[in-house]
């Protein structure tokens, strides 16, 4: 399987002591074109190689957060234990939340 993105080792930022790497598309998938520059992730495990999931612009995904399915994260940050699955446009999520489409669920609350 061809990897759909790579970490740009020379384009990094630091967020709360964590080093995040900008990503770059290596293949065409969904609406993302080869060579397109995306947002920042801490590690490859933050963004699934399957589906059309993508981190856009200056969005930041780190910790144990996972973006997968057809989700597109556009908001400033997705942190710690968030899970984003598509179709969704990322909102601001914090610890232990999951976003599925328009529904956000956390351990102690649920919102539509």
PDB file of N, CA and C in Angstrom:
ATOM      1  N   UNK A   1       0.842  -1.181   0.000  1.00  0.00           N
ATOM      2  CA  UNK A   1       0.000   0.000   0.000  1.00  0.00           C
ATOM      3  C   UNK A   1       0.888   1.245   0.000  1.00  0.00           C
ATOM      4  N   UNK A   2       0.578   2.201  -0.867  1.00  0.00           N
ATOM      5  CA  UNK A   2       1.289   3.471  -0.879  1.00  0.00           C
ATOM      6  C   UNK A   2       0.833   4.314   0.295  1.00  0.00           C
ATOM      7  N   UNK A   3       1.778   4.940   0.956  1.00  0.00           N
ATOM      8  CA  UNK A   3       1.421   5.857   2.042  1.00  0.00           C
ATOM      9  C   UNK A   3       0.796   7.093   1.433  1.00  0.00           C
ATOM     10  N   UNK A   4      -0.242   7.611   2.083  1.00  0.00           N
ATOM     11  CA  UNK A   4      -0.922   8.771   1.504  1.00  0.00           C
ATOM     12  C   UNK A   4      -0.325  10.095   1.944  1.00  0.00           C
ATOM     13  N   UNK A   5       0.489  10.100   2.985  1.00  0.00           N
ATOM     14  CA  UNK A   5       1.096  11.350   3.432  1.00  0.00           C
ATOM     15  C   UNK A   5       2.480  11.080   4.013  1.00  0.00           C
ATOM     16  N   UNK A   6       3.224  12.176   4.142  1.00  0.00           N
ATOM     17  CA  UNK A   6       4.527  12.107   4.801  1.00  0.00           C
ATOM     18  C   UNK A   6       4.636  13.261   5.789  1.00  0.00           C
ATOM     19  N   UNK A   7       5.476  13.077   6.802  1.00  0.00           N
ATOM     20  CA  UNK A   7       5.771  14.139   7.747  1.00  0.00           C
ATOM     21  C   UNK A   7       6.888  14.995   7.162  1.00  0.00           C
ATOM     22  N   UNK A   8       6.732  16.301   7.215  1.00  0.00           N
ATOM     23  CA  UNK A   8       7.781  17.203   6.741  1.00  0.00           C
ATOM     24  C   UNK A   8       8.696  17.519   7.925  1.00  0.00           C
ATOM     25  N   UNK A   9       9.839  16.876   7.956  1.00  0.00           N
ATOM     26  CA  UNK A   9      10.745  16.972   9.088  1.00  0.00           C
ATOM     27  C   UNK A   9      11.328  18.368   9.270  1.00  0.00           C
ATOM     28  N   UNK A  10      11.301  19.192   8.216  1.00  0.00           N
ATOM     29  CA  UNK A  10      11.849  20.543   8.304  1.00  0.00           C
ATOM     30  C   UNK A  10      10.771  21.607   8.509  1.00  0.00           C
ATOM     31  N   UNK A  11       9.535  21.199   8.770  1.00  0.00           N
ATOM     32  CA  UNK A  11       8.432  22.135   9.015  1.00  0.00           C
ATOM     33  C   UNK A  11       7.704  21.678  10.269  1.00  0.00           C
ATOM     34  N   UNK A  12       8.148  22.155  11.413  1.00  0.00           N
ATOM     35  CA  UNK A  12       7.598  21.709  12.691  1.00  0.00           C
ATOM     36  C   UNK A  12       7.189  22.898  13.544  1.00  0.00           C
ATOM     37  N   UNK A  13       6.328  22.612  14.518  1.00  0.00           N
ATOM     38  CA  UNK A  13       5.975  23.579  15.552  1.00  0.00           C
ATOM     39  C   UNK A  13       5.986  22.838  16.879  1.00  0.00           C
ATOM     40  N   UNK A  14       6.040  23.579  17.963  1.00  0.00           N
ATOM     41  CA  UNK A  14       5.961  22.971  19.278  1.00  0.00           C
ATOM     42  C   UNK A  14       4.689  23.440  19.961  1.00  0.00           C
ATOM     43  N   UNK A  15       3.939  22.488  20.496  1.00  0.00           N
ATOM     44  CA  UNK A  15       2.683  22.774  21.188  1.00  0.00           C
ATOM     45  C   UNK A  15       2.721  22.062  22.536  1.00  0.00           C
ATOM     46  N   UNK A  16       2.716  22.812  23.610  1.00  0.00           N
ATOM     47  CA  UNK A  16       2.748  22.241  24.956  1.00  0.00           C
ATOM     48  C   UNK A  16       3.856  21.196  25.104  1.00  0.00           C
ATOM     49  N   UNK A  17       5.028  21.501  24.578  1.00  0.00           N
ATOM     50  CA  UNK A  17       6.169  20.602  24.696  1.00  0.00           C
ATOM     51  C   UNK A  17       6.171  19.437  23.726  1.00  0.00           C
ATOM     52  N   UNK A  18       5.211  19.402  22.819  1.00  0.00           N
ATOM     53  CA  UNK A  18       5.132  18.327  21.822  1.00  0.00           C
ATOM     54  C   UNK A  18       5.560  18.871  20.471  1.00  0.00           C
ATOM     55  N   UNK A  19       6.371  18.114  19.757  1.00  0.00           N
ATOM     56  CA  UNK A  19       6.819  18.513  18.427  1.00  0.00           C
ATOM     57  C   UNK A  19       5.830  17.985  17.400  1.00  0.00           C
ATOM     58  N   UNK A  20       5.242  18.887  16.621  1.00  0.00           N
ATOM     59  CA  UNK A  20       4.280  18.524  15.582  1.00  0.00           C
ATOM     60  C   UNK A  20       4.896  18.780  14.217  1.00  0.00           C
ATOM     61  N   UNK A  21       4.581  17.907  13.273  1.00  0.00           N
ATOM     62  CA  UNK A  21       5.131  17.967  11.925  1.00  0.00           C
ATOM     63  C   UNK A  21       4.029  18.308  10.930  1.00  0.00           C
ATOM     64  N   UNK A  22       4.321  19.202   9.999  1.00  0.00           N
ATOM     65  CA  UNK A  22       3.381  19.467   8.915  1.00  0.00           C
ATOM     66  C   UNK A  22       3.346  18.223   8.035  1.00  0.00           C
ATOM     67  N   UNK A  23       2.183  17.972   7.402  1.00  0.00           N
ATOM     68  CA  UNK A  23       2.047  16.809   6.530  1.00  0.00           C
ATOM     69  C   UNK A  23       1.929  17.234   5.070  1.00  0.00           C
ATOM     70  N   UNK A  24       2.269  16.304   4.198  1.00  0.00           N
ATOM     71  CA  UNK A  24       2.203  16.535   2.751  1.00  0.00           C
ATOM     72  C   UNK A  24       1.645  15.277   2.098  1.00  0.00           C
ATOM     73  N   UNK A  25       0.670  15.458   1.208  1.00  0.00           N
ATOM     74  CA  UNK A  25       0.051  14.324   0.515  1.00  0.00           C
ATOM     75  C   UNK A  25       1.026  13.712  -0.491  1.00  0.00           C
ATOM     76  N   UNK A  26       1.114  12.371  -0.465  1.00  0.00           N
ATOM     77  CA  UNK A  26       1.985  11.652  -1.407  1.00  0.00           C
ATOM     78  C   UNK A  26       1.211  11.063  -2.581  1.00  0.00           C
ATOM     79  N   UNK A  27      -0.124  10.986  -2.429  1.00  0.00           N
ATOM     80  CA  UNK A  27      -0.989  10.458  -3.486  1.00  0.00           C
ATOM     81  C   UNK A  27      -2.265  11.298  -3.536  1.00  0.00           C
ATOM     82  N   UNK A  28      -3.028  11.169  -4.591  1.00  0.00           N
ATOM     83  CA  UNK A  28      -4.350  11.780  -4.680  1.00  0.00           C
ATOM     84  C   UNK A  28      -5.343  10.902  -3.919  1.00  0.00           C
ATOM     85  N   UNK A  29      -6.207  11.523  -3.123  1.00  0.00           N
ATOM     86  CA  UNK A  29      -7.300  10.804  -2.462  1.00  0.00           C
ATOM     87  C   UNK A  29      -8.371  11.822  -2.089  1.00  0.00           C
ATOM     88  N   UNK A  30      -9.628  11.433  -2.231  1.00  0.00           N
ATOM     89  CA  UNK A  30     -10.717  12.369  -1.960  1.00  0.00           C
ATOM     90  C   UNK A  30     -10.495  13.648  -2.741  1.00  0.00           C
ATOM     91  N   UNK A  31     -10.573  14.789  -2.072  1.00  0.00           N
ATOM     92  CA  UNK A  31     -10.325  16.071  -2.731  1.00  0.00           C
ATOM     93  C   UNK A  31      -8.881  16.543  -2.546  1.00  0.00           C
ATOM     94  N   UNK A  32      -8.057  15.721  -1.910  1.00  0.00           N
ATOM     95  CA  UNK A  32      -6.655  16.067  -1.659  1.00  0.00           C
ATOM     96  C   UNK A  32      -5.814  15.618  -2.850  1.00  0.00           C
ATOM     97  N   UNK A  33      -4.945  16.506  -3.305  1.00  0.00           N
ATOM     98  CA  UNK A  33      -4.086  16.221  -4.462  1.00  0.00           C
ATOM     99  C   UNK A  33      -2.652  15.977  -4.008  1.00  0.00           C
ATOM    100  N   UNK A  34      -1.948  15.143  -4.764  1.00  0.00           N
ATOM    101  CA  UNK A  34      -0.547  14.866  -4.465  1.00  0.00           C
ATOM    102  C   UNK A  34       0.230  16.177  -4.340  1.00  0.00           C
ATOM    103  N   UNK A  35       1.059  16.273  -3.312  1.00  0.00           N
ATOM    104  CA  UNK A  35       1.842  17.480  -3.075  1.00  0.00           C
ATOM    105  C   UNK A  35       1.155  18.510  -2.194  1.00  0.00           C
ATOM    106  N   UNK A  36      -0.144  18.323  -1.920  1.00  0.00           N
ATOM    107  CA  UNK A  36      -0.870  19.283  -1.083  1.00  0.00           C
ATOM    108  C   UNK A  36      -0.308  19.275   0.337  1.00  0.00           C
ATOM    109  N   UNK A  37      -0.124  20.466   0.874  1.00  0.00           N
ATOM    110  CA  UNK A  37       0.378  20.619   2.233  1.00  0.00           C
ATOM    111  C   UNK A  37      -0.807  20.679   3.184  1.00  0.00           C
ATOM    112  N   UNK A  38      -0.729  19.910   4.251  1.00  0.00           N
ATOM    113  CA  UNK A  38      -1.805  19.868   5.233  1.00  0.00           C
ATOM    114  C   UNK A  38      -1.416  20.547   6.526  1.00  0.00           C
ATOM    115  N   UNK A  39      -2.099  20.174   7.585  1.00  0.00           N
ATOM    116  CA  UNK A  39      -1.853  20.734   8.900  1.00  0.00           C
ATOM    117  C   UNK A  39      -0.723  20.018   9.610  1.00  0.00           C
ATOM    118  N   UNK A  40      -0.791  19.996  10.938  1.00  0.00           N
ATOM    119  CA  UNK A  40       0.280  19.437  11.758  1.00  0.00           C
ATOM    120  C   UNK A  40      -0.215  18.236  12.555  1.00  0.00           C
ATOM    121  N   UNK A  41       0.613  17.197  12.628  1.00  0.00           N
ATOM    122  CA  UNK A  41       0.338  16.052  13.491  1.00  0.00           C
ATOM    123  C   UNK A  41       1.606  15.726  14.271  1.00  0.00           C
ATOM    124  N   UNK A  42       1.428  15.090  15.407  1.00  0.00           N
ATOM    125  CA  UNK A  42       2.578  14.737  16.235  1.00  0.00           C
ATOM    126  C   UNK A  42       3.261  13.469  15.726  1.00  0.00           C
ATOM    127  N   UNK A  43       2.451  12.528  15.247  1.00  0.00           N
ATOM    128  CA  UNK A  43       2.990  11.238  14.812  1.00  0.00           C
ATOM    129  C   UNK A  43       2.075  10.653  13.752  1.00  0.00           C
ATOM    130  N   UNK A  44       2.600   9.727  12.981  1.00  0.00           N
ATOM    131  CA  UNK A  44       1.824   9.130  11.888  1.00  0.00           C
ATOM    132  C   UNK A  44       0.545   8.475  12.380  1.00  0.00           C
ATOM    133  N   UNK A  45       0.537   7.995  13.605  1.00  0.00           N
ATOM    134  CA  UNK A  45      -0.645   7.331  14.157  1.00  0.00           C
ATOM    135  C   UNK A  45      -1.812   8.288  14.386  1.00  0.00           C
ATOM    136  N   UNK A  46      -1.592   9.603  14.289  1.00  0.00           N
ATOM    137  CA  UNK A  46      -2.679  10.567  14.462  1.00  0.00           C
ATOM    138  C   UNK A  46      -3.596  10.663  13.246  1.00  0.00           C
ATOM    139  N   UNK A  47      -3.143  10.183  12.078  1.00  0.00           N
ATOM    140  CA  UNK A  47      -3.923  10.294  10.842  1.00  0.00           C
ATOM    141  C   UNK A  47      -3.932   8.945  10.137  1.00  0.00           C
ATOM    142  N   UNK A  48      -5.115   8.416   9.912  1.00  0.00           N
ATOM    143  CA  UNK A  48      -5.238   7.108   9.273  1.00  0.00           C
ATOM    144  C   UNK A  48      -4.789   7.146   7.813  1.00  0.00           C
ATOM    145  N   UNK A  49      -4.148   6.077   7.394  1.00  0.00           N
ATOM    146  CA  UNK A  49      -3.764   5.899   5.993  1.00  0.00           C
ATOM    147  C   UNK A  49      -4.963   5.443   5.155  1.00  0.00           C
ATOM    148  N   UNK A  50      -6.031   5.021   5.800  1.00  0.00           N
ATOM    149  CA  UNK A  50      -7.223   4.512   5.111  1.00  0.00           C
ATOM    150  C   UNK A  50      -8.265   5.612   4.979  1.00  0.00           C
ATOM    151  N   UNK A  51      -9.080   5.543   3.954  1.00  0.00           N
ATOM    152  CA  UNK A  51     -10.126   6.536   3.755  1.00  0.00           C
ATOM    153  C   UNK A  51      -9.555   7.857   3.269  1.00  0.00           C
ATOM    154  N   UNK A  52     -10.377   8.895   3.364  1.00  0.00           N
ATOM    155  CA  UNK A  52     -10.008  10.217   2.862  1.00  0.00           C
ATOM    156  C   UNK A  52      -9.711  11.209   3.988  1.00  0.00           C
ATOM    157  N   UNK A  53      -9.451  10.707   5.184  1.00  0.00           N
ATOM    158  CA  UNK A  53      -9.170  11.583   6.325  1.00  0.00           C
ATOM    159  C   UNK A  53      -7.990  12.494   6.018  1.00  0.00           C
ATOM    160  N   UNK A  54      -8.084  13.767   6.487  1.00  0.00           N
ATOM    161  CA  UNK A  54      -7.025  14.736   6.223  1.00  0.00           C
ATOM    162  C   UNK A  54      -7.052  15.825   7.284  1.00  0.00           C
ATOM    163  N   UNK A  55      -5.902  16.374   7.586  1.00  0.00           N
ATOM    164  CA  UNK A  55      -5.753  17.503   8.503  1.00  0.00           C
ATOM    165  C   UNK A  55      -5.388  18.711   7.647  1.00  0.00           C
ATOM    166  N   UNK A  56      -6.196  19.745   7.680  1.00  0.00           N
ATOM    167  CA  UNK A  56      -6.070  20.893   6.769  1.00  0.00           C
ATOM    168  C   UNK A  56      -5.413  22.099   7.426  1.00  0.00           C
ATOM    169  N   UNK A  57      -4.886  22.991   6.574  1.00  0.00           N
ATOM    170  CA  UNK A  57      -4.412  24.311   6.998  1.00  0.00           C
ATOM    171  C   UNK A  57      -3.436  24.260   8.144  1.00  0.00           C
ATOM    172  N   UNK A  58      -3.773  24.959   9.227  1.00  0.00           N
ATOM    173  CA  UNK A  58      -2.917  24.991  10.408  1.00  0.00           C
ATOM    174  C   UNK A  58      -3.508  24.188  11.555  1.00  0.00           C
ATOM    175  N   UNK A  59      -4.435  23.277  11.249  1.00  0.00           N
ATOM    176  CA  UNK A  59      -5.020  22.426  12.285  1.00  0.00           C
ATOM    177  C   UNK A  59      -3.920  21.579  12.911  1.00  0.00           C
ATOM    178  N   UNK A  60      -4.099  21.243  14.186  1.00  0.00           N
ATOM    179  CA  UNK A  60      -3.094  20.493  14.932  1.00  0.00           C
ATOM    180  C   UNK A  60      -3.730  19.284  15.582  1.00  0.00           C
ATOM    181  N   UNK A  61      -3.156  18.114  15.368  1.00  0.00           N
ATOM    182  CA  UNK A  61      -3.653  16.868  15.940  1.00  0.00           C
ATOM    183  C   UNK A  61      -2.490  16.211  16.668  1.00  0.00           C
ATOM    184  N   UNK A  62      -2.684  15.876  17.947  1.00  0.00           N
ATOM    185  CA  UNK A  62      -1.572  15.315  18.703  1.00  0.00           C
ATOM    186  C   UNK A  62      -2.062  14.472  19.862  1.00  0.00           C
ATOM    187  N   UNK A  63      -1.112  13.951  20.633  1.00  0.00           N
ATOM    188  CA  UNK A  63      -1.448  13.041  21.717  1.00  0.00           C
ATOM    189  C   UNK A  63      -1.925  11.730  21.125  1.00  0.00           C
ATOM    190  N   UNK A  64      -2.973  11.167  21.697  1.00  0.00           N
ATOM    191  CA  UNK A  64      -3.543   9.916  21.193  1.00  0.00           C
ATOM    192  C   UNK A  64      -4.734  10.158  20.278  1.00  0.00           C
ATOM    193  N   UNK A  65      -4.885  11.392  19.787  1.00  0.00           N
ATOM    194  CA  UNK A  65      -5.983  11.716  18.875  1.00  0.00           C
ATOM    195  C   UNK A  65      -5.816  10.947  17.571  1.00  0.00           C
ATOM    196  N   UNK A  66      -6.927  10.604  16.947  1.00  0.00           N
ATOM    197  CA  UNK A  66      -6.922   9.875  15.682  1.00  0.00           C
ATOM    198  C   UNK A  66      -7.956  10.468  14.745  1.00  0.00           C
ATOM    199  N   UNK A  67      -7.538  10.800  13.535  1.00  0.00           N
ATOM    200  CA  UNK A  67      -8.438  11.277  12.484  1.00  0.00           C
ATOM    201  C   UNK A  67      -8.535  10.144  11.471  1.00  0.00           C
ATOM    202  N   UNK A  68      -9.778   9.702  11.170  1.00  0.00           N
ATOM    203  CA  UNK A  68      -9.925   8.551  10.276  1.00  0.00           C
ATOM    204  C   UNK A  68     -11.237   8.621   9.517  1.00  0.00           C
ATOM    205  N   UNK A  69     -11.459   7.613   8.647  1.00  0.00           N
ATOM    206  CA  UNK A  69     -12.648   7.612   7.794  1.00  0.00           C
ATOM    207  C   UNK A  69     -12.495   8.691   6.736  1.00  0.00           C
ATOM    208  N   UNK A  70     -13.498   9.548   6.617  1.00  0.00           N
ATOM    209  CA  UNK A  70     -13.460  10.638   5.644  1.00  0.00           C
ATOM    210  C   UNK A  70     -13.443  12.001   6.330  1.00  0.00           C
ATOM    211  N   UNK A  71     -12.987  12.038   7.575  1.00  0.00           N
ATOM    212  CA  UNK A  71     -12.968  13.284   8.344  1.00  0.00           C
ATOM    213  C   UNK A  71     -11.928  14.249   7.803  1.00  0.00           C
ATOM    214  N   UNK A  72     -12.264  15.541   7.859  1.00  0.00           N
ATOM    215  CA  UNK A  72     -11.329  16.618   7.488  1.00  0.00           C
ATOM    216  C   UNK A  72     -11.276  17.566   8.671  1.00  0.00           C
ATOM    217  N   UNK A  73     -10.140  17.652   9.308  1.00  0.00           N
ATOM    218  CA  UNK A  73      -9.976  18.522  10.468  1.00  0.00           C
ATOM    219  C   UNK A  73      -9.516  19.883   9.976  1.00  0.00           C
ATOM    220  N   UNK A  74     -10.300  20.906  10.298  1.00  0.00           N
ATOM    221  CA  UNK A  74      -9.996  22.265   9.849  1.00  0.00           C
ATOM    222  C   UNK A  74      -9.797  23.215  11.017  1.00  0.00           C
ATOM    223  N   UNK A  75     -10.220  22.835  12.197  1.00  0.00           N
ATOM    224  CA  UNK A  75     -10.129  23.710  13.361  1.00  0.00           C
ATOM    225  C   UNK A  75      -8.718  23.715  13.929  1.00  0.00           C
ATOM    226  N   UNK A  76      -8.459  24.648  14.835  1.00  0.00           N
ATOM    227  CA  UNK A  76      -7.099  24.807  15.338  1.00  0.00           C
ATOM    228  C   UNK A  76      -6.475  23.576  15.966  1.00  0.00           C
ATOM    229  N   UNK A  77      -7.217  22.821  16.775  1.00  0.00           N
ATOM    230  CA  UNK A  77      -6.541  21.702  17.423  1.00  0.00           C
ATOM    231  C   UNK A  77      -7.496  20.571  17.782  1.00  0.00           C
ATOM    232  N   UNK A  78      -6.963  19.381  17.719  1.00  0.00           N
ATOM    233  CA  UNK A  78      -7.631  18.171  18.184  1.00  0.00           C
ATOM    234  C   UNK A  78      -6.606  17.500  19.089  1.00  0.00           C
ATOM    235  N   UNK A  79      -6.933  17.290  20.346  1.00  0.00           N
ATOM    236  CA  UNK A  79      -5.903  16.899  21.295  1.00  0.00           C
ATOM    237  C   UNK A  79      -6.193  15.613  22.054  1.00  0.00           C
ATOM    238  N   UNK A  80      -5.180  15.087  22.626  1.00  0.00           N
ATOM    239  CA  UNK A  80      -5.183  13.982  23.564  1.00  0.00           C
ATOM    240  C   UNK A  80      -5.918  12.749  23.067  1.00  0.00           C
ATOM    241  N   UNK A  81      -7.145  12.492  23.517  1.00  0.00           N
ATOM    242  CA  UNK A  81      -7.803  11.238  23.198  1.00  0.00           C
ATOM    243  C   UNK A  81      -8.972  11.386  22.236  1.00  0.00           C
ATOM    244  N   UNK A  82      -9.003  12.444  21.452  1.00  0.00           N
ATOM    245  CA  UNK A  82     -10.092  12.670  20.503  1.00  0.00           C
ATOM    246  C   UNK A  82     -10.053  11.634  19.390  1.00  0.00           C
ATOM    247  N   UNK A  83     -11.197  11.301  18.866  1.00  0.00           N
ATOM    248  CA  UNK A  83     -11.297  10.464  17.671  1.00  0.00           C
ATOM    249  C   UNK A  83     -12.252  11.160  16.731  1.00  0.00           C
ATOM    250  N   UNK A  84     -11.821  11.408  15.512  1.00  0.00           N
ATOM    251  CA  UNK A  84     -12.641  12.103  14.529  1.00  0.00           C
ATOM    252  C   UNK A  84     -12.846  11.146  13.372  1.00  0.00           C
ATOM    253  N   UNK A  85     -14.089  10.871  13.019  1.00  0.00           N
ATOM    254  CA  UNK A  85     -14.322  10.023  11.860  1.00  0.00           C
ATOM    255  C   UNK A  85     -15.342  10.696  10.966  1.00  0.00           C
ATOM    256  N   UNK A  86     -15.207  10.486   9.679  1.00  0.00           N
ATOM    257  CA  UNK A  86     -16.004  11.208   8.715  1.00  0.00           C
ATOM    258  C   UNK A  86     -17.315  10.543   8.399  1.00  0.00           C
ATOM    259  N   UNK A  87     -18.169  11.234   7.642  1.00  0.00           N
ATOM    260  CA  UNK A  87     -17.872  12.570   7.139  1.00  0.00           C
ATOM    261  C   UNK A  87     -18.055  13.604   8.230  1.00  0.00           C
ATOM    262  N   UNK A  88     -17.026  14.396   8.460  1.00  0.00           N
ATOM    263  CA  UNK A  88     -17.084  15.427   9.497  1.00  0.00           C
ATOM    264  C   UNK A  88     -16.091  16.513   9.169  1.00  0.00           C
ATOM    265  N   UNK A  89     -16.404  17.714   9.578  1.00  0.00           N
ATOM    266  CA  UNK A  89     -15.430  18.797   9.567  1.00  0.00           C
ATOM    267  C   UNK A  89     -15.111  19.051  11.020  1.00  0.00           C
ATOM    268  N   UNK A  90     -13.861  18.967  11.384  1.00  0.00           N
ATOM    269  CA  UNK A  90     -13.466  19.018  12.788  1.00  0.00           C
ATOM    270  C   UNK A  90     -13.898  20.280  13.488  1.00  0.00           C
ATOM    271  N   UNK A  91     -14.424  20.103  14.671  1.00  0.00           N
ATOM    272  CA  UNK A  91     -14.673  21.206  15.573  1.00  0.00           C
ATOM    273  C   UNK A  91     -13.604  21.143  16.646  1.00  0.00           C
ATOM    274  N   UNK A  92     -13.679  21.994  17.613  1.00  0.00           N
ATOM    275  CA  UNK A  92     -12.714  21.963  18.691  1.00  0.00           C
ATOM    276  C   UNK A  92     -13.144  20.893  19.678  1.00  0.00           C
ATOM    277  N   UNK A  93     -12.348  19.865  19.804  1.00  0.00           N
ATOM    278  CA  UNK A  93     -12.641  18.771  20.720  1.00  0.00           C
ATOM    279  C   UNK A  93     -11.530  18.676  21.746  1.00  0.00           C
ATOM    280  N   UNK A  94     -11.878  18.173  22.923  1.00  0.00           N
ATOM    281  CA  UNK A  94     -10.877  18.004  23.964  1.00  0.00           C
ATOM    282  C   UNK A  94     -10.885  16.563  24.455  1.00  0.00           C
ATOM    283  N   UNK A  95     -10.294  16.320  25.590  1.00  0.00           N
ATOM    284  CA  UNK A  95     -10.077  14.966  26.067  1.00  0.00           C
ATOM    285  C   UNK A  95     -11.292  14.064  25.931  1.00  0.00           C
ATOM    286  N   UNK A  96     -11.032  12.851  25.458  1.00  0.00           N
ATOM    287  CA  UNK A  96     -11.985  11.746  25.454  1.00  0.00           C
ATOM    288  C   UNK A  96     -13.257  12.000  24.654  1.00  0.00           C
ATOM    289  N   UNK A  97     -13.213  12.881  23.655  1.00  0.00           N
ATOM    290  CA  UNK A  97     -14.387  13.126  22.828  1.00  0.00           C
ATOM    291  C   UNK A  97     -14.255  12.389  21.511  1.00  0.00           C
ATOM    292  N   UNK A  98     -15.392  12.065  20.930  1.00  0.00           N
ATOM    293  CA  UNK A  98     -15.452  11.464  19.610  1.00  0.00           C
ATOM    294  C   UNK A  98     -16.391  12.300  18.766  1.00  0.00           C
ATOM    295  N   UNK A  99     -16.018  12.588  17.541  1.00  0.00           N
ATOM    296  CA  UNK A  99     -16.901  13.332  16.649  1.00  0.00           C
ATOM    297  C   UNK A  99     -17.244  12.453  15.461  1.00  0.00           C
ATOM    298  N   UNK A 100     -18.524  12.238  15.232  1.00  0.00           N
ATOM    299  CA  UNK A 100     -19.019  11.428  14.128  1.00  0.00           C
ATOM    300  C   UNK A 100     -20.032  12.286  13.382  1.00  0.00           C
ATOM    301  N   UNK A 101     -19.675  12.781  12.250  1.00  0.00           N
ATOM    302  CA  UNK A 101     -20.579  13.682  11.551  1.00  0.00           C
ATOM    303  C   UNK A 101     -20.793  14.939  12.375  1.00  0.00           C
ATOM    304  N   UNK A 102     -22.049  15.219  12.739  1.00  0.00           N
ATOM    305  CA  UNK A 102     -22.349  16.425  13.506  1.00  0.00           C
ATOM    306  C   UNK A 102     -22.479  16.144  14.990  1.00  0.00           C
ATOM    307  N   UNK A 103     -22.233  14.946  15.429  1.00  0.00           N
ATOM    308  CA  UNK A 103     -22.447  14.570  16.825  1.00  0.00           C
ATOM    309  C   UNK A 103     -21.120  14.546  17.569  1.00  0.00           C
ATOM    310  N   UNK A 104     -21.041  15.236  18.692  1.00  0.00           N
ATOM    311  CA  UNK A 104     -19.856  15.191  19.548  1.00  0.00           C
ATOM    312  C   UNK A 104     -20.221  14.525  20.867  1.00  0.00           C
ATOM    313  N   UNK A 105     -19.450  13.570  21.288  1.00  0.00           N
ATOM    314  CA  UNK A 105     -19.740  12.811  22.496  1.00  0.00           C
ATOM    315  C   UNK A 105     -18.502  12.796  23.383  1.00  0.00           C
ATOM    316  N   UNK A 106     -18.678  13.070  24.648  1.00  0.00           N
ATOM    317  CA  UNK A 106     -17.574  12.945  25.589  1.00  0.00           C
ATOM    318  C   UNK A 106     -17.993  11.978  26.695  1.00  0.00           C
ATOM    319  N   UNK A 107     -17.075  11.704  27.615  1.00  0.00           N
ATOM    320  CA  UNK A 107     -17.385  10.744  28.677  1.00  0.00           C
ATOM    321  C   UNK A 107     -18.509  11.238  29.565  1.00  0.00           C
ATOM    322  N   UNK A 108     -18.638  12.546  29.745  1.00  0.00           N
ATOM    323  CA  UNK A 108     -19.625  13.041  30.692  1.00  0.00           C
ATOM    324  C   UNK A 108     -20.710  13.905  30.061  1.00  0.00           C
ATOM    325  N   UNK A 109     -20.713  14.035  28.738  1.00  0.00           N
ATOM    326  CA  UNK A 109     -21.757  14.830  28.104  1.00  0.00           C
ATOM    327  C   UNK A 109     -21.936  14.430  26.654  1.00  0.00           C
ATOM    328  N   UNK A 110     -23.090  14.742  26.111  1.00  0.00           N
ATOM    329  CA  UNK A 110     -23.362  14.517  24.686  1.00  0.00           C
ATOM    330  C   UNK A 110     -24.080  15.731  24.164  1.00  0.00           C
ATOM    331  N   UNK A 111     -23.680  16.193  22.972  1.00  0.00           N
ATOM    332  CA  UNK A 111     -24.319  17.356  22.356  1.00  0.00           C
ATOM    333  C   UNK A 111     -24.609  17.051  20.894  1.00  0.00           C
ATOM    334  N   UNK A 112     -25.642  17.629  20.376  1.00  0.00           N
ATOM    335  CA  UNK A 112     -25.936  17.558  18.942  1.00  0.00           C
ATOM    336  C   UNK A 112     -25.439  18.806  18.296  1.00  0.00           C
TER     337      UNK A 112
END
